[in-house]
Amino acid sequence: MPISDFPLQLDLDAPLKVARWRPLVHWLLAIPQVLVLYVLSAVQGVVWLISFFAILFTGKLPEGLFGFHVMTMRYQWRVYSYLFFMREPYPEFAFPMEGNDPGTEPARLSIQPAERLSRGMIFIKWLLAIPHYIVLLLLGIVVYVFIIIGFFAVLITGAWPAGMRNFIVGYMRWTMRVNAYVYLLTDRYPAFSLA
């Protein structure tokens, strides 16, 4: 279960069973999605800079900037869940910018907007996130090993091992919480947790 008091919720509502051929072709089918995600991520860097100054001057993140960050993070989760063959339906080329996920996809991400944000914290959030990035880097090695094992598990058995898939979803949940913090969407410090 995700941590309920953090303003970000990330879930995957897809069966463990996956067609055995999918690990062989998902990477190829995901290429258009990855290209769109690359463009969105590049624009998100500019949006982050604008967000920085908006919070510095007003103490708030404008709704449009918040929506763009949420949309990009949600799209990233949808693409990665497909790329890692953890779900069968192809991700929609949809870009909803509201904080609550519309629920049309098995990979869901919702973020509750903050009413006020600290003007001073915008200068040090990246620094405070460094311990998270170190742990996530180490856990990322485990994730890639699990993806390789999952590749063969799905090819042979037609299903993801539940514990490994749950670990990957937890890793993505933790990563997105840290991203929400660094992208200035919340002042709440993320927990060191896969939950």
Foldseek 3Di string as FASTA:
>chain_A
DDDPVAQKDKAFQAAQFFALCLLVCLQVVLVVLVVVLVVLVVVLVVLLVVQLVCCLVPQFGDLVSQLSLQQSLQSVQLSVCSNLVRHDDRDDPDRGRAQAFPPPHSIGMHGDFDPGHDNVCLVCLVVVCVVVVVVLVVVVVVLVVLSVVQSVCCNVPRGRDVVSVLQNSLSSRQVVSSVCSNSRRDVDDGDPTSD
